[in-house]
């Protein structure tokens, strides 16, 4: 019976390591339905220079235009990178569906797991220490508590 599997991919080293780990093991089956999900959130704008700076400038039309163009470019880049992951899985005889969703990574993956009736959620771990985890949070830790199915966390 085919399983519904979510692979949370954020284009980080941890995700790349998790992808390689999966490709080198017989964890996934050919009849599995694999959803490769990338989450885009508001933090992306901050990192790209449209956070506090844009708020300080005010509601200028060029900021909105720039922001829209920047988000469109980020979505295109995310789609291109997801397609690369899908092709790597396809080369192993696996079927993968790329998905880009806006929101908080933890909340989105929990919501998607429920909606897709996932049997398994797979994510990479950044390997943060205690203090960084307290400050920045841990998506993998959040998932182990809130997702209604099993979670596989691939360590670095």
N, C-alpha and C. Protein backbone atom coordinates (compact mmCIF):
# COMPACT_ATOMS: atom_id res chain seq x y z
N UNK A 1 0.85 -1.19 0.00
CA UNK A 1 0.00 0.00 0.00
C UNK A 1 0.89 1.24 0.00
N UNK A 2 0.64 2.18 -0.93
CA UNK A 2 1.48 3.37 -1.01
C UNK A 2 1.37 4.24 0.24
N UNK A 3 2.50 4.79 0.63
CA UNK A 3 2.53 5.69 1.78
C UNK A 3 2.57 7.13 1.29
N UNK A 4 2.06 8.02 2.13
CA UNK A 4 2.15 9.45 1.89
C UNK A 4 3.29 9.97 2.76
N UNK A 5 4.34 10.51 2.12
CA UNK A 5 5.53 10.92 2.84
C UNK A 5 5.84 12.38 2.52
N UNK A 6 6.12 13.14 3.55
CA UNK A 6 6.52 14.54 3.38
C UNK A 6 8.01 14.65 3.65
N UNK A 7 8.71 15.28 2.72
CA UNK A 7 10.12 15.60 2.91
C UNK A 7 10.22 17.12 2.97
N UNK A 8 10.48 17.65 4.18
CA UNK A 8 10.64 19.09 4.36
C UNK A 8 12.02 19.51 3.89
N UNK A 9 12.06 20.32 2.84
CA UNK A 9 13.33 20.70 2.24
C UNK A 9 13.45 22.22 2.23
N UNK A 10 14.48 22.75 2.92
CA UNK A 10 14.63 24.20 3.00
C UNK A 10 15.90 24.72 2.33
N UNK A 11 16.51 23.93 1.50
CA UNK A 11 17.71 24.32 0.74
C UNK A 11 18.93 24.54 1.63
N UNK A 12 18.89 24.03 2.85
CA UNK A 12 20.02 24.16 3.78
C UNK A 12 20.94 22.95 3.63
N UNK A 13 22.10 23.05 4.26
CA UNK A 13 23.01 21.90 4.29
C UNK A 13 22.33 20.70 4.95
N UNK A 14 21.54 20.97 6.00
CA UNK A 14 20.86 19.88 6.71
C UNK A 14 19.88 19.15 5.78
N UNK A 15 19.15 19.90 4.96
CA UNK A 15 18.21 19.29 4.01
C UNK A 15 18.95 18.51 2.93
N UNK A 16 20.04 19.09 2.46
CA UNK A 16 20.84 18.42 1.43
C UNK A 16 21.40 17.11 1.97
N UNK A 17 21.90 17.14 3.22
CA UNK A 17 22.40 15.92 3.85
C UNK A 17 21.30 14.88 4.02
N UNK A 18 20.10 15.35 4.40
CA UNK A 18 18.97 14.43 4.56
C UNK A 18 18.60 13.80 3.22
N UNK A 19 18.62 14.60 2.15
CA UNK A 19 18.32 14.07 0.82
C UNK A 19 19.33 12.99 0.45
N UNK A 20 20.61 13.26 0.63
CA UNK A 20 21.64 12.27 0.31
C UNK A 20 21.48 11.02 1.17
N UNK A 21 21.15 11.19 2.42
CA UNK A 21 20.95 10.07 3.33
C UNK A 21 19.81 9.19 2.81
N UNK A 22 18.71 9.84 2.39
CA UNK A 22 17.56 9.10 1.86
C UNK A 22 17.89 8.37 0.57
N UNK A 23 18.63 9.03 -0.30
CA UNK A 23 18.96 8.43 -1.59
C UNK A 23 19.89 7.23 -1.46
N UNK A 24 20.65 7.17 -0.37
CA UNK A 24 21.61 6.09 -0.17
C UNK A 24 21.07 4.97 0.71
N UNK A 25 19.80 5.02 1.04
CA UNK A 25 19.19 3.97 1.85
C UNK A 25 17.87 3.55 1.22
N UNK A 26 17.41 2.39 1.55
CA UNK A 26 16.14 1.88 1.01
C UNK A 26 14.99 2.19 1.95
N UNK A 27 14.79 3.47 2.21
CA UNK A 27 13.71 3.91 3.11
C UNK A 27 12.43 4.14 2.32
N UNK A 28 12.58 4.68 1.12
CA UNK A 28 11.44 5.06 0.29
C UNK A 28 11.16 3.97 -0.74
N UNK A 29 9.87 3.77 -1.01
CA UNK A 29 9.46 2.75 -1.98
C UNK A 29 8.95 3.43 -3.25
N UNK A 30 9.01 2.70 -4.36
CA UNK A 30 8.59 3.25 -5.64
C UNK A 30 7.13 3.68 -5.66
N UNK A 31 6.28 3.03 -4.86
CA UNK A 31 4.87 3.41 -4.88
C UNK A 31 4.51 4.47 -3.83
N UNK A 32 5.51 4.95 -3.07
CA UNK A 32 5.27 6.04 -2.12
C UNK A 32 4.94 7.33 -2.87
N UNK A 33 4.06 8.11 -2.29
CA UNK A 33 3.78 9.45 -2.81
C UNK A 33 4.56 10.41 -1.93
N UNK A 34 5.61 11.00 -2.51
CA UNK A 34 6.53 11.84 -1.74
C UNK A 34 6.27 13.30 -2.08
N UNK A 35 5.95 14.09 -1.06
CA UNK A 35 5.74 15.52 -1.23
C UNK A 35 6.99 16.23 -0.72
N UNK A 36 7.70 16.91 -1.62
CA UNK A 36 8.88 17.69 -1.23
C UNK A 36 8.38 19.11 -0.99
N UNK A 37 8.38 19.51 0.27
CA UNK A 37 7.76 20.79 0.65
C UNK A 37 8.80 21.79 1.11
N UNK A 38 8.75 22.98 0.50
CA UNK A 38 9.55 24.12 0.93
C UNK A 38 8.59 25.17 1.47
N UNK A 39 8.95 25.76 2.60
CA UNK A 39 8.11 26.78 3.22
C UNK A 39 8.81 28.13 3.10
N UNK A 40 8.09 29.10 2.55
CA UNK A 40 8.60 30.47 2.48
C UNK A 40 7.86 31.28 3.54
N UNK A 41 8.64 32.00 4.35
CA UNK A 41 8.00 32.81 5.39
C UNK A 41 8.46 34.25 5.32
N UNK A 42 7.92 35.09 6.21
CA UNK A 42 8.23 36.52 6.21
C UNK A 42 9.70 36.80 6.50
N UNK A 43 10.39 35.86 7.16
CA UNK A 43 11.81 36.05 7.45
C UNK A 43 12.62 36.18 6.18
N UNK A 44 12.13 35.59 5.10
CA UNK A 44 12.84 35.67 3.83
C UNK A 44 13.01 37.13 3.42
N UNK A 45 11.96 37.91 3.61
CA UNK A 45 12.03 39.33 3.24
C UNK A 45 13.05 40.07 4.08
N UNK A 46 13.11 39.73 5.37
CA UNK A 46 14.08 40.39 6.25
C UNK A 46 15.49 40.10 5.78
N UNK A 47 15.76 38.84 5.45
CA UNK A 47 17.10 38.47 5.01
C UNK A 47 17.43 39.10 3.67
N UNK A 48 16.43 39.37 2.88
CA UNK A 48 16.67 39.93 1.55
C UNK A 48 16.65 41.45 1.56
N UNK A 49 16.57 42.07 2.76
CA UNK A 49 16.67 43.51 2.83
C UNK A 49 15.35 44.26 2.80
N UNK A 50 14.25 43.60 3.06
CA UNK A 50 12.97 44.28 3.04
C UNK A 50 12.27 44.22 4.39
N UNK A 51 13.02 44.00 5.45
CA UNK A 51 12.43 43.90 6.78
C UNK A 51 12.23 45.26 7.40
N UNK A 52 13.01 45.56 8.42
CA UNK A 52 12.87 46.82 9.14
C UNK A 52 13.14 48.02 8.27
N UNK A 53 14.05 47.87 7.30
CA UNK A 53 14.36 48.99 6.42
C UNK A 53 13.11 49.44 5.67
N UNK A 54 12.37 48.49 5.15
CA UNK A 54 11.16 48.83 4.41
C UNK A 54 10.11 49.45 5.32
N UNK A 55 10.01 48.96 6.55
CA UNK A 55 9.04 49.50 7.50
C UNK A 55 9.40 50.94 7.85
N UNK A 56 10.69 51.24 7.96
CA UNK A 56 11.13 52.59 8.31
C UNK A 56 10.88 53.58 7.18
N UNK A 57 10.97 53.11 5.94
CA UNK A 57 10.77 53.98 4.79
C UNK A 57 9.31 54.38 4.66
N UNK A 58 8.44 53.47 4.97
CA UNK A 58 7.02 53.74 4.85
C UNK A 58 6.44 53.10 3.61
N UNK A 59 5.15 53.36 3.34
CA UNK A 59 4.46 52.69 2.24
C UNK A 59 4.78 53.30 0.88
N UNK A 60 6.03 53.22 0.49
CA UNK A 60 6.41 53.72 -0.83
C UNK A 60 6.07 52.67 -1.89
N UNK A 61 5.58 53.12 -3.01
CA UNK A 61 5.17 52.20 -4.07
C UNK A 61 6.33 51.38 -4.59
N UNK A 62 7.53 51.99 -4.70
CA UNK A 62 8.67 51.25 -5.24
C UNK A 62 9.09 50.13 -4.32
N UNK A 63 8.87 50.27 -3.00
CA UNK A 63 9.19 49.20 -2.06
C UNK A 63 8.27 48.01 -2.33
N UNK A 64 6.99 48.30 -2.53
CA UNK A 64 6.03 47.23 -2.82
C UNK A 64 6.38 46.52 -4.12
N UNK A 65 6.73 47.31 -5.15
CA UNK A 65 7.11 46.71 -6.43
C UNK A 65 8.35 45.85 -6.27
N UNK A 66 9.37 46.41 -5.61
CA UNK A 66 10.61 45.66 -5.38
C UNK A 66 10.34 44.39 -4.58
N UNK A 67 9.52 44.52 -3.57
CA UNK A 67 9.20 43.37 -2.71
C UNK A 67 8.50 42.28 -3.52
N UNK A 68 7.54 42.68 -4.34
CA UNK A 68 6.83 41.71 -5.17
C UNK A 68 7.75 41.01 -6.15
N UNK A 69 8.63 41.80 -6.76
CA UNK A 69 9.60 41.21 -7.70
C UNK A 69 10.55 40.27 -6.98
N UNK A 70 11.00 40.67 -5.80
CA UNK A 70 11.94 39.86 -5.02
C UNK A 70 11.26 38.54 -4.61
N UNK A 71 10.01 38.62 -4.16
CA UNK A 71 9.30 37.40 -3.77
C UNK A 71 9.10 36.48 -4.97
N UNK A 72 8.77 37.06 -6.11
CA UNK A 72 8.59 36.25 -7.32
C UNK A 72 9.88 35.54 -7.69
N UNK A 73 11.00 36.25 -7.60
CA UNK A 73 12.31 35.67 -7.89
C UNK A 73 12.63 34.56 -6.90
N UNK A 74 12.34 34.79 -5.61
CA UNK A 74 12.60 33.76 -4.60
C UNK A 74 11.76 32.52 -4.84
N UNK A 75 10.51 32.70 -5.26
CA UNK A 75 9.65 31.55 -5.57
C UNK A 75 10.18 30.78 -6.77
N UNK A 76 10.66 31.51 -7.77
CA UNK A 76 11.22 30.85 -8.95
C UNK A 76 12.47 30.05 -8.58
N UNK A 77 13.32 30.66 -7.74
CA UNK A 77 14.53 29.96 -7.29
C UNK A 77 14.16 28.73 -6.48
N UNK A 78 13.17 28.87 -5.60
CA UNK A 78 12.73 27.74 -4.77
C UNK A 78 12.19 26.62 -5.66
N UNK A 79 11.40 26.97 -6.67
CA UNK A 79 10.83 25.98 -7.58
C UNK A 79 11.95 25.25 -8.34
N UNK A 80 12.94 26.02 -8.81
CA UNK A 80 14.06 25.42 -9.54
C UNK A 80 14.82 24.44 -8.65
N UNK A 81 15.07 24.83 -7.41
CA UNK A 81 15.79 23.94 -6.48
C UNK A 81 14.95 22.71 -6.13
N UNK A 82 13.65 22.92 -5.95
CA UNK A 82 12.77 21.77 -5.67
C UNK A 82 12.75 20.81 -6.85
N UNK A 83 12.75 21.35 -8.05
CA UNK A 83 12.76 20.49 -9.23
C UNK A 83 14.02 19.63 -9.27
N UNK A 84 15.14 20.18 -8.80
CA UNK A 84 16.39 19.42 -8.73
C UNK A 84 16.24 18.24 -7.76
N UNK A 85 15.59 18.48 -6.62
CA UNK A 85 15.35 17.42 -5.63
C UNK A 85 14.43 16.36 -6.22
N UNK A 86 13.37 16.80 -6.89
CA UNK A 86 12.42 15.88 -7.51
C UNK A 86 13.14 15.01 -8.54
N UNK A 87 14.02 15.60 -9.33
CA UNK A 87 14.76 14.84 -10.35
C UNK A 87 15.71 13.82 -9.69
N UNK A 88 16.33 14.19 -8.58
CA UNK A 88 17.22 13.26 -7.87
C UNK A 88 16.43 12.06 -7.36
N UNK A 89 15.22 12.30 -6.85
CA UNK A 89 14.37 11.20 -6.38
C UNK A 89 13.87 10.37 -7.56
N UNK A 90 13.53 11.06 -8.65
CA UNK A 90 13.05 10.37 -9.85
C UNK A 90 14.12 9.44 -10.42
N UNK A 91 15.38 9.86 -10.34
CA UNK A 91 16.49 9.03 -10.83
C UNK A 91 16.60 7.72 -10.05
N UNK A 92 16.05 7.69 -8.85
CA UNK A 92 16.02 6.46 -8.04
C UNK A 92 14.72 5.70 -8.21
N UNK A 93 13.89 6.13 -9.18
CA UNK A 93 12.63 5.44 -9.45
C UNK A 93 11.50 5.85 -8.53
N UNK A 94 11.64 7.01 -7.88
CA UNK A 94 10.64 7.48 -6.93
C UNK A 94 9.80 8.60 -7.53
N UNK A 95 8.56 8.72 -7.08
CA UNK A 95 7.67 9.78 -7.53
C UNK A 95 7.60 10.85 -6.46
N UNK A 96 7.91 12.11 -6.85
CA UNK A 96 7.90 13.21 -5.89
C UNK A 96 7.12 14.39 -6.46
N UNK A 97 6.43 15.07 -5.59
CA UNK A 97 5.62 16.22 -5.97
C UNK A 97 6.17 17.45 -5.25
N UNK A 98 6.63 18.47 -6.00
CA UNK A 98 7.15 19.68 -5.35
C UNK A 98 6.02 20.58 -4.87
N UNK A 99 6.17 21.13 -3.66
CA UNK A 99 5.15 22.00 -3.09
C UNK A 99 5.85 23.18 -2.42
N UNK A 100 5.39 24.40 -2.72
CA UNK A 100 5.88 25.60 -2.04
C UNK A 100 4.70 26.20 -1.29
N UNK A 101 4.88 26.42 0.00
CA UNK A 101 3.81 26.94 0.85
C UNK A 101 4.36 28.12 1.65
N UNK A 102 3.53 29.13 1.87
CA UNK A 102 3.93 30.28 2.68
C UNK A 102 3.50 30.06 4.13
N UNK A 103 4.32 30.52 5.07
CA UNK A 103 3.97 30.44 6.48
C UNK A 103 5.15 30.06 7.34
N UNK A 104 4.88 29.68 8.57
CA UNK A 104 5.89 29.22 9.50
C UNK A 104 6.18 27.74 9.20
N UNK A 105 7.45 27.39 9.11
CA UNK A 105 7.83 26.03 8.69
C UNK A 105 7.18 24.95 9.55
N UNK A 106 7.28 25.06 10.85
CA UNK A 106 6.70 24.04 11.72
C UNK A 106 5.20 23.91 11.54
N UNK A 107 4.50 25.05 11.59
CA UNK A 107 3.05 25.04 11.46
C UNK A 107 2.60 24.50 10.10
N UNK A 108 3.29 24.92 9.04
CA UNK A 108 2.92 24.48 7.69
C UNK A 108 3.12 22.97 7.55
N UNK A 109 4.24 22.45 8.03
CA UNK A 109 4.49 21.01 7.89
C UNK A 109 3.49 20.19 8.71
N UNK A 110 3.10 20.69 9.87
CA UNK A 110 2.07 20.00 10.67
C UNK A 110 0.74 20.01 9.90
N UNK A 111 0.38 21.17 9.38
CA UNK A 111 -0.87 21.30 8.62
C UNK A 111 -0.86 20.39 7.38
N UNK A 112 0.25 20.39 6.66
CA UNK A 112 0.36 19.55 5.46
C UNK A 112 0.30 18.06 5.82
N UNK A 113 0.94 17.69 6.93
CA UNK A 113 0.91 16.29 7.37
C UNK A 113 -0.52 15.84 7.64
N UNK A 114 -1.30 16.71 8.26
CA UNK A 114 -2.70 16.38 8.54
C UNK A 114 -3.51 16.34 7.24
N UNK A 115 -3.34 17.35 6.41
CA UNK A 115 -4.10 17.45 5.17
C UNK A 115 -3.80 16.30 4.21
N UNK A 116 -2.54 15.92 4.11
CA UNK A 116 -2.13 14.86 3.18
C UNK A 116 -2.20 13.47 3.81
N UNK A 117 -2.63 13.43 5.08
CA UNK A 117 -2.70 12.16 5.82
C UNK A 117 -1.35 11.43 5.72
N UNK A 118 -0.30 12.17 6.04
CA UNK A 118 1.07 11.66 5.92
C UNK A 118 1.31 10.49 6.87
N UNK A 119 2.05 9.53 6.37
CA UNK A 119 2.49 8.40 7.18
C UNK A 119 3.84 8.69 7.83
N UNK A 120 4.58 9.62 7.22
CA UNK A 120 5.93 9.92 7.70
C UNK A 120 6.32 11.32 7.24
N UNK A 121 6.98 12.08 8.13
CA UNK A 121 7.56 13.37 7.78
C UNK A 121 9.06 13.23 7.98
N UNK A 122 9.83 13.65 6.97
CA UNK A 122 11.29 13.55 7.02
C UNK A 122 11.88 14.94 6.94
N UNK A 123 12.78 15.25 7.87
CA UNK A 123 13.47 16.55 7.86
C UNK A 123 14.92 16.34 8.27
N UNK A 124 15.75 17.28 7.89
CA UNK A 124 17.13 17.28 8.34
C UNK A 124 17.26 18.07 9.62
N UNK A 125 18.31 17.80 10.36
CA UNK A 125 18.58 18.52 11.61
C UNK A 125 19.81 19.40 11.41
N UNK A 126 19.72 20.63 11.89
CA UNK A 126 20.85 21.55 11.81
C UNK A 126 21.91 21.24 12.86
N UNK A 127 21.57 20.42 13.84
CA UNK A 127 22.53 20.06 14.87
C UNK A 127 22.88 21.23 15.78
N UNK A 128 21.92 22.11 16.03
CA UNK A 128 22.16 23.24 16.92
C UNK A 128 22.32 22.74 18.35
N UNK A 129 23.11 23.46 19.11
CA UNK A 129 23.25 23.16 20.53
C UNK A 129 22.06 23.68 21.32
N UNK A 130 22.07 23.46 22.61
CA UNK A 130 20.96 23.82 23.48
C UNK A 130 20.61 25.30 23.38
N UNK A 131 21.60 26.18 23.47
CA UNK A 131 21.33 27.61 23.51
C UNK A 131 20.80 28.14 22.18
N UNK A 132 21.37 27.71 21.08
CA UNK A 132 20.86 28.14 19.78
C UNK A 132 19.45 27.63 19.55
N UNK A 133 19.19 26.41 20.00
CA UNK A 133 17.85 25.84 19.85
C UNK A 133 16.84 26.65 20.66
N UNK A 134 17.22 27.10 21.85
CA UNK A 134 16.33 27.90 22.68
C UNK A 134 16.05 29.26 22.04
N UNK A 135 17.08 29.83 21.42
CA UNK A 135 16.95 31.14 20.81
C UNK A 135 16.24 31.08 19.47
N UNK A 136 16.64 30.17 18.61
CA UNK A 136 16.13 30.10 17.25
C UNK A 136 14.99 29.11 17.05
N UNK A 137 14.84 28.18 17.99
CA UNK A 137 13.81 27.16 17.84
C UNK A 137 14.30 26.00 17.00
N UNK A 138 13.54 24.95 16.99
CA UNK A 138 13.89 23.76 16.23
C UNK A 138 12.64 23.22 15.56
N UNK A 139 12.62 23.27 14.23
CA UNK A 139 11.47 22.76 13.49
C UNK A 139 11.33 21.26 13.72
N UNK A 140 12.45 20.53 13.70
CA UNK A 140 12.36 19.08 13.87
C UNK A 140 11.80 18.73 15.25
N UNK A 141 12.23 19.45 16.27
CA UNK A 141 11.70 19.19 17.61
C UNK A 141 10.21 19.51 17.68
N UNK A 142 9.80 20.61 17.08
CA UNK A 142 8.39 21.00 17.03
C UNK A 142 7.56 19.92 16.35
N UNK A 143 8.08 19.38 15.25
CA UNK A 143 7.35 18.36 14.50
C UNK A 143 7.15 17.09 15.31
N UNK A 144 8.17 16.69 16.05
CA UNK A 144 8.05 15.44 16.83
C UNK A 144 6.93 15.54 17.86
N UNK A 145 6.61 16.74 18.28
CA UNK A 145 5.54 16.93 19.27
C UNK A 145 4.17 17.08 18.61
N UNK A 146 4.11 17.78 17.47
CA UNK A 146 2.82 18.19 16.91
C UNK A 146 2.31 17.42 15.69
N UNK A 147 3.17 16.72 14.99
CA UNK A 147 2.72 15.98 13.79
C UNK A 147 2.03 14.68 14.24
N UNK A 148 0.91 14.34 13.61
CA UNK A 148 0.17 13.15 14.02
C UNK A 148 0.74 11.82 13.51
N UNK A 149 1.88 11.87 12.82
CA UNK A 149 2.49 10.64 12.31
C UNK A 149 3.95 10.57 12.78
N UNK A 150 4.65 9.57 12.33
CA UNK A 150 6.06 9.43 12.68
C UNK A 150 6.89 10.51 12.00
N UNK A 151 7.99 10.89 12.66
CA UNK A 151 8.91 11.89 12.12
C UNK A 151 10.30 11.27 12.09
N UNK A 152 10.96 11.38 10.93
CA UNK A 152 12.34 10.93 10.79
C UNK A 152 13.21 12.17 10.70
N UNK A 153 14.09 12.35 11.70
CA UNK A 153 15.00 13.47 11.71
C UNK A 153 16.39 12.94 11.37
N UNK A 154 16.92 13.42 10.24
CA UNK A 154 18.23 12.98 9.78
C UNK A 154 19.27 13.93 10.37
N UNK A 155 20.15 13.37 11.20
CA UNK A 155 21.17 14.19 11.86
C UNK A 155 22.33 14.46 10.91
N UNK A 156 23.08 15.55 11.19
CA UNK A 156 24.23 15.88 10.32
C UNK A 156 25.30 14.81 10.36
